[in-house]
Amino acid sequence: MFSLEAIIQFATLAVTAAIGISVLYSIFQMRAAYAALREKFEHVISAVEQFSKLQPDFTSLVRSVESDARSLQNIAMQIETAVCAITSTIKKSGSRRRSIAFPQL
């Protein structure tokens, strides 16, 4: 029926078609993978852009917190100084009262 040459041509055509189909399938899979990666990349770029827009506000907030921390440290030092002064005054008052109450001691 078919000659050997025709069978070889059909086999070659079938192999070529199979290779072509597998190449096309691979191309479509790669396009889908690249589309997913492109979408993720766009999300990352968007996040970086939002962060860069918020960076001046964040820097301002950090400076404000640092300033508040310094102010709180100054207040703590003033409170500590006042407590020391009150403690000293109470001790002196107690000593004075004891010396008045018990002069011979």
Protein backbone atom coordinates (compact mmCIF):
# COMPACT_ATOMS: atom_id res chain seq x y z
CA MET A 1 0.00 0.00 0.00
CA PHE A 2 2.30 2.67 1.23
CA SER A 3 5.86 2.70 0.18
CA LEU A 4 8.66 2.84 2.71
CA GLU A 5 9.46 6.37 1.60
CA ALA A 6 5.89 7.54 2.30
CA ILE A 7 5.92 5.90 5.74
CA ILE A 8 9.20 7.64 6.60
CA GLN A 9 7.79 10.96 5.39
CA PHE A 10 4.66 10.52 7.53
CA ALA A 11 6.76 9.52 10.54
CA THR A 12 9.01 12.55 10.03
CA LEU A 13 5.96 14.76 9.67
CA ALA A 14 4.44 13.29 12.86
CA VAL A 15 7.67 13.79 14.82
CA THR A 16 7.98 17.36 13.50
CA ALA A 17 4.34 18.06 14.41
CA ALA A 18 4.86 16.59 17.91
CA ILE A 19 7.96 18.74 18.43
CA GLY A 20 6.09 21.81 17.16
CA ILE A 21 3.15 21.14 19.47
CA SER A 22 5.42 20.62 22.48
CA VAL A 23 7.31 23.85 21.65
CA LEU A 24 4.01 25.76 21.41
CA TYR A 25 2.84 24.23 24.70
CA SER A 26 6.10 25.24 26.38
CA ILE A 27 5.80 28.77 24.99
CA PHE A 28 2.28 29.15 26.38
CA GLN A 29 3.34 27.81 29.78
CA MET A 30 6.29 30.20 29.86
CA ARG A 31 4.02 33.10 28.93
CA ALA A 32 1.67 32.20 31.79
CA ALA A 33 4.59 31.96 34.22
CA TYR A 34 6.02 35.28 33.02
CA ALA A 35 2.59 36.91 33.35
CA ALA A 36 2.35 35.73 36.97
CA LEU A 37 5.87 36.98 37.68
CA ARG A 38 5.10 40.29 35.98
CA GLU A 39 2.02 40.70 38.19
CA LYS A 40 4.05 39.97 41.34
CA PHE A 41 6.74 42.38 40.17
CA GLU A 42 4.13 45.09 39.64
CA HIS A 43 2.87 44.52 43.20
CA VAL A 44 6.42 44.82 44.53
CA ILE A 45 7.01 48.02 42.56
CA SER A 46 3.71 49.42 43.87
CA ALA A 47 4.67 48.57 47.46
CA VAL A 48 8.08 50.22 47.05
CA GLU A 49 6.44 53.33 45.59
CA GLN A 50 3.99 53.50 48.50
CA PHE A 51 6.82 53.06 51.00
CA SER A 52 8.86 55.80 49.35
CA LYS A 53 5.83 58.10 49.51
CA LEU A 54 5.39 57.34 53.22
CA GLN A 55 9.09 57.59 54.07
CA PRO A 56 9.05 61.35 54.82
CA ASP A 57 6.11 60.84 57.21
CA PHE A 58 7.92 57.92 58.85
CA THR A 59 11.10 59.98 59.22
CA SER A 60 9.09 62.82 60.75
CA LEU A 61 7.46 60.40 63.19
CA VAL A 62 10.83 58.98 64.24
CA ARG A 63 12.19 62.48 64.84
CA SER A 64 9.11 63.35 66.89
CA VAL A 65 9.53 60.19 68.99
CA GLU A 66 13.21 61.01 69.56
CA SER A 67 12.29 64.55 70.62
CA ASP A 68 9.61 63.23 72.98
CA ALA A 69 12.09 60.75 74.45
CA ARG A 70 14.55 63.56 75.16
CA SER A 71 11.80 65.63 76.76
CA LEU A 72 10.74 62.69 78.92
CA GLN A 73 14.34 62.15 80.01
CA ASN A 74 14.57 65.80 81.03
CA ILE A 75 11.32 65.52 82.99
CA ALA A 76 12.59 62.35 84.69
CA MET A 77 15.79 64.15 85.70
CA GLN A 78 13.78 67.07 87.11
CA ILE A 79 11.55 64.69 89.08
CA GLU A 80 14.60 62.86 90.42
CA THR A 81 16.19 66.16 91.48
CA ALA A 82 12.95 67.25 93.17
CA VAL A 83 12.64 63.91 95.01
CA CYS A 84 16.25 64.22 96.24
CA ALA A 85 15.55 67.77 97.44
CA ILE A 86 12.38 66.68 99.26
CA THR A 87 14.18 63.72 100.83
CA SER A 88 17.00 65.98 101.98
CA THR A 89 14.52 68.50 103.42
CA ILE A 90 12.63 65.76 105.28
CA LYS A 91 15.88 64.39 106.74
CA LYS A 92 16.98 67.86 107.86
CA SER A 93 13.56 68.54 109.37
CA GLY A 94 13.62 65.23 111.22
CA SER A 95 17.13 65.90 112.52
CA ARG A 96 16.13 69.38 113.65
CA ARG A 97 13.04 68.04 115.45
CA ARG A 98 15.08 65.37 117.21
CA SER A 99 17.67 67.90 118.28
CA ILE A 100 14.93 70.16 119.65
CA ALA A 101 13.08 67.29 121.34
CA PHE A 102 16.17 65.61 122.73
CA PRO A 103 18.91 68.23 123.08
CA GLN A 104 21.07 66.11 125.37
CA LEU A 105 21.41 63.24 122.90
